[in-house]
Amino acid sequence: MTAVIAARELRKDFTVTEKAGRFRRTRRAVAAVDGIDLAVDRGEMVGYIGPNGAGKSTTLKMMTGVLTPSGGSVSVCGLRPVADRTRLALRIGVVFGQRSQLWWDLPLRDSFELLRHVYRVPAVEHAARLRECRSLLGLDEFEARPVRQLSLGQRMRGEITAALLHRPEILFLDEPTIGLDVVSKQAVRAFLAAIGAAGDTTLMLTTHDLADIERLCPRLVVIDRGRVVHDGSLAELHARYQSRRRVVVDLDAPLGAGEPIGLGPALGAGVALGEIDTVTAAIGDVGPGVTVERVSPDGRRLEFGLRDGANAARWSPASRPSRRCATCR
């Protein structure tokens, strides 16, 4: 299958100025993107993640023609993003979470109509696509309002619709769910999942919300300090780095001597603490994927480590029936 996005040794350097004395300044080059190799096939849904400053947004800006690479090469839909920027704009959609392509003082529907002319979309095709987006994203209730009066979640649904009205081959999304409430996030994720399931749009998503990745992207690319450190599935990432979660359980009453730490039928048998002053003897593996990492000296707090795949929700104390967890986090 031919890649719709192909990057080879892609690089972007920025020059920063630093104070070197009372009146002197020095300059140095910083590699925001440092030799990335990446190929994305048509119809793929790819999560592109990393810490702040890793180079995610810079990569997307080079792929969309906003920034000129310092080195290497990149091809999107067979075009050079900077040299062929006008032609490329007709074939891609872009949503930056903190930037808007909508007209602030116009009703949302007027922004959609203006974008129809910008992208030269036939009226019939535009109307069909808009009906689809209205249905999936629930635009009817606020489509007549000026954009400045919309909530963040409503505006983001409008932004995604605007990016899709010309049926782009690739949709670039830079933190599309940033700042959204739970309901708005679910609506956006469900819509993007439906778009991806159709198979005619390639999705490139950057986000700090791993729930977006888990719901939408079978493939995950992790970037750190401008370099790709992982390219594969989320399960492969967990296996490679031995991902763990920590569950802290606070009890209403302390565990007594000899009382078991119950893990429920899914995670194994209970483990007796022994004498209260030797509770550290209970620390260790106590079930598939579950480790007791720490028990407080007073027996009121337990800390469990869970490897990926262990089910924390099914943990339950197996001591007296009256005992309950005060908190579990």
Protein backbone atom coordinates (compact mmCIF):
# COMPACT_ATOMS: atom_id res chain seq x y z
CA MET A 1 0.00 0.00 0.00
CA THR A 2 1.29 3.46 -0.93
CA ALA A 3 2.00 5.75 2.02
CA VAL A 4 0.00 8.99 2.02
CA ILE A 5 2.46 10.47 4.54
CA ALA A 6 6.16 9.75 4.12
CA ALA A 7 8.89 11.45 6.14
CA ARG A 8 12.57 10.64 5.81
CA GLU A 9 15.17 12.07 8.22
CA LEU A 10 12.78 14.96 8.82
CA ARG A 11 14.35 17.72 10.87
CA LYS A 12 13.47 21.17 12.18
CA ASP A 13 15.95 23.40 14.00
CA PHE A 14 15.18 26.64 15.79
CA THR A 15 17.69 29.28 16.88
CA VAL A 16 17.33 30.43 20.47
CA THR A 17 19.03 33.40 22.12
CA GLU A 18 20.41 33.05 25.62
CA LYS A 19 21.87 35.54 28.08
CA ALA A 20 25.67 35.13 28.40
CA GLY A 21 26.50 38.18 30.50
CA ARG A 22 25.23 41.59 31.39
CA PHE A 23 25.29 42.86 27.81
CA ARG A 24 26.03 39.75 25.77
CA ARG A 25 23.77 37.22 24.15
CA THR A 26 24.64 33.90 22.52
CA ARG A 27 22.73 31.89 19.97
CA ARG A 28 22.41 28.15 19.66
CA ALA A 29 20.44 25.76 17.48
CA VAL A 30 17.81 23.55 19.10
CA ALA A 31 16.50 20.49 17.24
CA ALA A 32 12.73 20.43 17.78
CA VAL A 33 12.45 17.48 15.37
CA ASP A 34 15.59 15.43 15.01
CA GLY A 35 15.59 13.00 12.09
CA ILE A 36 12.13 11.40 12.06
CA ASP A 37 11.32 8.50 9.73
CA LEU A 38 7.60 7.86 9.39
CA ALA A 39 5.24 6.27 6.86
CA VAL A 40 1.43 6.30 7.20
CA ASP A 41 -0.80 4.33 4.84
CA ARG A 42 -4.18 5.43 3.54
CA GLY A 43 -6.99 4.93 6.05
CA GLU A 44 -4.72 4.46 9.08
CA MET A 45 -5.52 6.07 12.42
CA VAL A 46 -2.26 7.03 14.08
CA GLY A 47 -1.74 8.47 17.56
CA TYR A 48 1.31 10.74 17.72
CA ILE A 49 2.14 11.42 21.35
CA GLY A 50 4.93 12.64 23.60
CA PRO A 51 5.67 15.11 26.40
CA ASN A 52 5.40 18.87 26.01
CA GLY A 53 8.17 20.15 23.76
CA ALA A 54 8.80 16.73 22.19
CA GLY A 55 8.14 18.03 18.64
CA LYS A 56 4.59 16.80 17.97
CA SER A 57 3.04 20.07 16.80
CA THR A 58 6.22 21.00 14.90
CA THR A 59 6.00 17.74 12.96
CA LEU A 60 2.36 18.37 12.04
CA LYS A 61 3.15 21.93 10.97
CA MET A 62 5.84 20.65 8.60
CA MET A 63 3.46 18.05 7.21
CA THR A 64 0.78 20.69 6.58
CA GLY A 65 3.13 23.25 4.99
CA VAL A 66 3.09 25.76 7.86
CA LEU A 67 6.81 25.28 8.63
CA THR A 68 9.69 24.60 6.25
CA PRO A 69 11.86 21.63 7.31
CA SER A 70 15.52 22.30 8.13
CA GLY A 71 16.51 18.95 6.69
CA GLY A 72 15.23 15.65 5.36
CA SER A 73 12.13 15.24 3.25
CA VAL A 74 8.39 14.90 3.71
CA SER A 75 5.62 14.03 1.28
CA VAL A 76 1.88 14.26 1.96
CA CYS A 77 -0.61 12.94 -0.61
CA GLY A 78 2.30 12.82 -3.03
CA LEU A 79 2.88 16.58 -2.67
CA ARG A 80 5.60 18.67 -1.05
CA PRO A 81 3.81 20.48 1.79
CA VAL A 82 5.54 23.87 1.44
CA ALA A 83 6.05 24.05 -2.32
CA ASP A 84 2.58 22.67 -3.08
CA ARG A 85 0.78 24.21 -0.12
CA THR A 86 -2.27 25.49 -2.02
CA ARG A 87 -2.94 22.16 -3.72
CA LEU A 88 -2.30 20.28 -0.50
CA ALA A 89 -4.78 22.44 1.44
CA LEU A 90 -7.59 21.09 -0.75
CA ARG A 91 -6.73 17.52 0.20
CA ILE A 92 -6.14 17.75 3.94
CA GLY A 93 -8.08 18.95 6.99
CA VAL A 94 -6.38 20.48 10.02
CA VAL A 95 -7.66 21.11 13.56
CA PHE A 96 -5.40 22.80 16.09
CA GLY A 97 -7.01 22.74 19.53
CA GLN A 98 -6.03 26.33 20.34
CA ARG A 99 -6.48 27.86 16.87
CA SER A 100 -9.69 28.51 14.94
CA GLN A 101 -10.63 28.53 11.28
CA LEU A 102 -14.14 29.80 12.05
CA TRP A 103 -15.29 33.44 11.78
CA TRP A 104 -15.69 34.71 15.34
CA ASP A 105 -18.69 37.04 14.82
CA LEU A 106 -20.61 34.95 12.28
CA PRO A 107 -23.09 32.16 12.97
CA LEU A 108 -21.54 28.73 12.69
CA ARG A 109 -23.59 27.88 9.60
CA ASP A 110 -22.22 30.99 7.81
CA SER A 111 -18.66 29.87 8.52
CA PHE A 112 -19.48 26.53 6.93
CA GLU A 113 -20.89 28.27 3.86
CA LEU A 114 -17.81 30.47 3.49
CA LEU A 115 -15.54 27.43 3.77
CA ARG A 116 -17.55 25.75 1.01
CA HIS A 117 -16.43 28.51 -1.33
CA VAL A 118 -12.85 28.53 -0.01
CA TYR A 119 -12.50 24.81 -0.77
CA ARG A 120 -14.68 24.98 -3.92
CA VAL A 121 -17.00 22.22 -2.75
CA PRO A 122 -20.16 21.66 -4.88
CA ALA A 123 -23.33 22.70 -3.04
CA VAL A 124 -24.92 19.23 -3.18
CA GLU A 125 -21.81 17.49 -1.83
CA HIS A 126 -21.41 20.16 0.86
CA ALA A 127 -25.02 19.75 2.01
CA ALA A 128 -24.67 15.96 2.22
CA ARG A 129 -21.49 16.17 4.26
CA LEU A 130 -22.99 18.80 6.56
CA ARG A 131 -26.05 16.61 7.21
CA GLU A 132 -23.76 13.76 8.21
CA CYS A 133 -21.80 15.97 10.63
CA ARG A 134 -24.98 17.48 12.06
CA SER A 135 -26.31 14.04 12.83
CA LEU A 136 -23.15 12.66 14.43
CA LEU A 137 -22.04 15.78 16.30
CA GLY A 138 -25.40 17.31 17.22
CA LEU A 139 -24.82 20.72 15.60
CA ASP A 140 -28.47 21.70 15.15
CA GLU A 141 -28.94 23.22 18.61
CA PHE A 142 -26.17 25.83 18.20
CA GLU A 143 -25.55 26.14 14.45
CA ALA A 144 -27.33 29.53 14.30
CA ARG A 145 -25.26 31.10 17.10
CA PRO A 146 -22.20 33.30 16.52
CA VAL A 147 -19.00 31.39 17.12
CA ARG A 148 -18.01 33.73 19.98
CA GLN A 149 -21.08 32.59 21.94
CA LEU A 150 -20.30 28.88 21.70
CA SER A 151 -18.82 26.82 24.51
CA LEU A 152 -15.40 25.26 23.97
CA GLY A 153 -16.94 21.85 23.30
CA GLN A 154 -19.43 23.27 20.79
CA ARG A 155 -16.71 25.24 19.02
CA MET A 156 -14.48 22.18 18.78
CA ARG A 157 -17.31 20.21 17.16
CA GLY A 158 -17.66 23.08 14.71
CA GLU A 159 -13.91 23.07 14.02
CA ILE A 160 -13.89 19.35 13.24
CA THR A 161 -16.90 19.76 10.95
CA ALA A 162 -15.19 22.65 9.15
CA ALA A 163 -12.08 20.53 8.60
CA LEU A 164 -14.12 17.67 7.10
CA LEU A 165 -16.58 19.50 4.83
CA HIS A 166 -14.36 19.17 1.75
CA ARG A 167 -13.81 15.42 2.40
CA PRO A 168 -10.05 15.54 3.00
CA GLU A 169 -7.87 12.51 2.43
CA ILE A 170 -5.98 13.19 5.68
CA LEU A 171 -7.20 14.80 8.89
CA PHE A 172 -4.53 16.26 11.19
CA LEU A 173 -5.75 16.79 14.74
CA ASP A 174 -3.58 18.58 17.29
CA GLU A 175 -5.12 18.05 20.76
CA PRO A 176 -8.75 18.24 19.61
CA THR A 177 -10.19 17.36 23.04
CA ILE A 178 -8.11 19.79 25.11
CA GLY A 179 -10.24 21.48 27.75
CA LEU A 180 -13.43 19.61 26.83
CA ASP A 181 -15.85 18.16 29.36
CA VAL A 182 -16.58 14.43 29.48
CA VAL A 183 -19.74 14.63 27.35
CA SER A 184 -18.06 16.72 24.62
CA LYS A 185 -15.04 14.40 24.58
CA GLN A 186 -17.28 11.38 24.11
CA ALA A 187 -19.12 13.07 21.23
CA VAL A 188 -15.87 14.00 19.47
CA ARG A 189 -14.37 10.54 19.97
CA ALA A 190 -17.49 8.76 18.70
CA PHE A 191 -17.54 10.98 15.61
CA LEU A 192 -13.84 10.44 14.83
CA ALA A 193 -14.26 6.69 15.37
CA ALA A 194 -17.08 6.67 12.81
CA ILE A 195 -14.93 8.63 10.35
CA GLY A 196 -12.05 6.20 10.85
CA ALA A 197 -14.28 3.14 10.50
CA ALA A 198 -15.35 4.32 7.04
CA GLY A 199 -11.73 3.86 5.95
CA ASP A 200 -11.57 6.74 3.47
CA THR A 201 -9.86 9.28 5.76
CA THR A 202 -6.40 8.96 7.29
CA LEU A 203 -6.24 10.30 10.84
CA MET A 204 -3.13 11.76 12.47
CA LEU A 205 -3.84 12.62 16.11
CA THR A 206 -1.68 14.30 18.75
CA THR A 207 -3.00 14.38 22.30
CA HIS A 208 -2.09 14.12 25.98
CA ASP A 209 -5.30 12.21 26.68
CA LEU A 210 -4.56 8.49 26.38
CA ALA A 211 -8.29 7.75 26.34
CA ASP A 212 -8.33 9.34 22.86
CA ILE A 213 -5.56 6.99 21.75
CA GLU A 214 -7.17 3.89 23.26
CA ARG A 215 -10.50 4.63 21.59
CA LEU A 216 -9.27 5.74 18.19
CA CYS A 217 -5.76 4.68 17.24
CA PRO A 218 -4.57 1.08 16.68
CA ARG A 219 -1.11 2.47 15.91
CA LEU A 220 0.86 4.61 18.34
CA VAL A 221 3.97 6.67 17.58
CA VAL A 222 5.79 8.09 20.61
CA ILE A 223 8.21 10.96 20.14
CA ASP A 224 10.65 12.34 22.72
CA ARG A 225 13.16 15.15 22.21
CA GLY A 226 12.45 15.13 18.50
CA ARG A 227 13.06 11.42 17.96
CA VAL A 228 10.69 8.48 17.55
CA VAL A 229 11.10 6.10 20.51
CA HIS A 230 8.18 3.76 19.78
CA ASP A 231 6.14 2.87 16.71
CA GLY A 232 3.58 0.12 17.26
CA SER A 233 0.45 -0.74 19.18
CA LEU A 234 -0.49 0.43 22.67
CA ALA A 235 -0.19 -3.15 23.94
CA GLU A 236 3.37 -3.34 22.57
CA LEU A 237 4.20 -0.08 24.36
CA HIS A 238 2.94 -1.50 27.68
CA ALA A 239 4.91 -4.72 27.14
CA ARG A 240 8.08 -2.87 26.18
CA TYR A 241 8.16 -0.52 29.16
CA GLN A 242 6.39 -2.74 31.73
CA SER A 243 3.66 -0.20 32.43
CA ARG A 244 2.26 -0.25 35.95
CA ARG A 245 -0.52 1.42 37.86
CA ARG A 246 -0.56 2.04 41.59
CA VAL A 247 -3.67 1.49 43.67
CA VAL A 248 -3.74 2.97 47.18
CA VAL A 249 -6.41 1.57 49.53
CA ASP A 250 -7.27 3.32 52.81
CA LEU A 251 -9.23 1.17 55.28
CA ASP A 252 -11.72 2.32 57.91
CA ALA A 253 -10.13 -0.03 60.43
CA PRO A 254 -6.59 -1.44 60.52
CA LEU A 255 -5.85 -4.96 59.41
CA GLY A 256 -5.21 -7.22 62.38
CA ALA A 257 -2.57 -9.86 62.83
CA GLY A 258 -3.12 -12.81 60.51
CA GLU A 259 -5.89 -11.14 58.54
CA PRO A 260 -5.71 -11.83 54.76
CA ILE A 261 -5.37 -9.26 52.02
CA GLY A 262 -8.15 -10.46 49.72
CA LEU A 263 -7.69 -10.04 46.01
CA GLY A 264 -10.93 -11.56 44.80
CA PRO A 265 -11.31 -14.63 42.57
CA ALA A 266 -9.80 -12.93 39.53
CA LEU A 267 -6.50 -12.06 41.18
CA GLY A 268 -5.72 -14.94 43.48
CA ALA A 269 -6.00 -16.01 47.09
CA GLY A 270 -5.66 -13.79 50.16
CA VAL A 271 -2.30 -13.18 51.80
CA ALA A 272 -1.97 -13.13 55.58
CA LEU A 273 -0.20 -10.13 57.01
CA GLY A 274 1.27 -11.91 60.00
CA GLU A 275 2.12 -9.86 63.04
CA ILE A 276 1.32 -6.15 62.74
CA ASP A 277 4.94 -5.21 63.39
CA THR A 278 6.15 -7.44 60.56
CA VAL A 279 3.63 -6.49 57.91
CA THR A 280 6.39 -5.97 55.35
CA ALA A 281 6.49 -9.75 55.02
CA ALA A 282 3.35 -9.48 52.91
CA ILE A 283 5.10 -7.35 50.31
CA GLY A 284 5.58 -9.21 47.05
CA ASP A 285 3.61 -10.77 44.19
CA VAL A 286 0.19 -11.90 45.39
CA GLY A 287 -1.63 -12.62 42.14
CA PRO A 288 -1.37 -12.37 38.33
CA GLY A 289 -0.05 -8.89 37.62
CA VAL A 290 -0.55 -7.70 41.24
CA THR A 291 2.12 -6.83 43.78
CA VAL A 292 1.74 -5.58 47.34
CA GLU A 293 4.32 -2.80 47.38
CA ARG A 294 3.73 -1.29 50.82
CA VAL A 295 1.59 -1.74 53.92
CA SER A 296 1.56 1.11 56.43
CA PRO A 297 2.77 0.27 59.96
CA ASP A 298 -0.72 0.82 61.39
CA GLY A 299 -2.32 -1.53 58.84
CA ARG A 300 -4.69 1.15 57.51
CA ARG A 301 -3.14 1.72 54.09
CA LEU A 302 -2.20 -0.77 51.37
CA GLU A 303 -0.38 0.06 48.15
CA PHE A 304 -0.64 -2.30 45.19
CA GLY A 305 1.26 -2.25 41.92
CA LEU A 306 -0.73 -3.49 38.92
CA ARG A 307 0.92 -4.47 35.68
CA ASP A 308 -1.02 -3.74 32.51
CA GLY A 309 -3.95 -6.14 32.24
CA ALA A 310 -4.54 -6.63 35.97
CA ASN A 311 -8.03 -5.56 36.97
CA ALA A 312 -7.94 -3.10 39.88
CA ALA A 313 -11.72 -2.73 39.87
CA ARG A 314 -12.19 -6.32 41.10
CA TRP A 315 -9.94 -5.90 44.16
CA SER A 316 -11.86 -6.29 47.42
CA PRO A 317 -10.81 -6.76 51.06
CA ALA A 318 -11.43 -10.33 52.16
CA SER A 319 -11.44 -9.60 55.88
CA ARG A 320 -14.52 -9.17 58.07
CA PRO A 321 -17.76 -8.54 56.07
CA SER A 322 -18.22 -5.25 57.91
CA ARG A 323 -14.86 -3.90 56.71
CA ARG A 324 -15.02 -1.47 53.79
CA CYS A 325 -12.45 0.61 51.91
CA ALA A 326 -12.67 4.23 52.96
CA THR A 327 -10.99 5.26 49.72
CA CYS A 328 -9.44 3.49 46.77
CA ARG A 329 -7.46 5.49 44.24
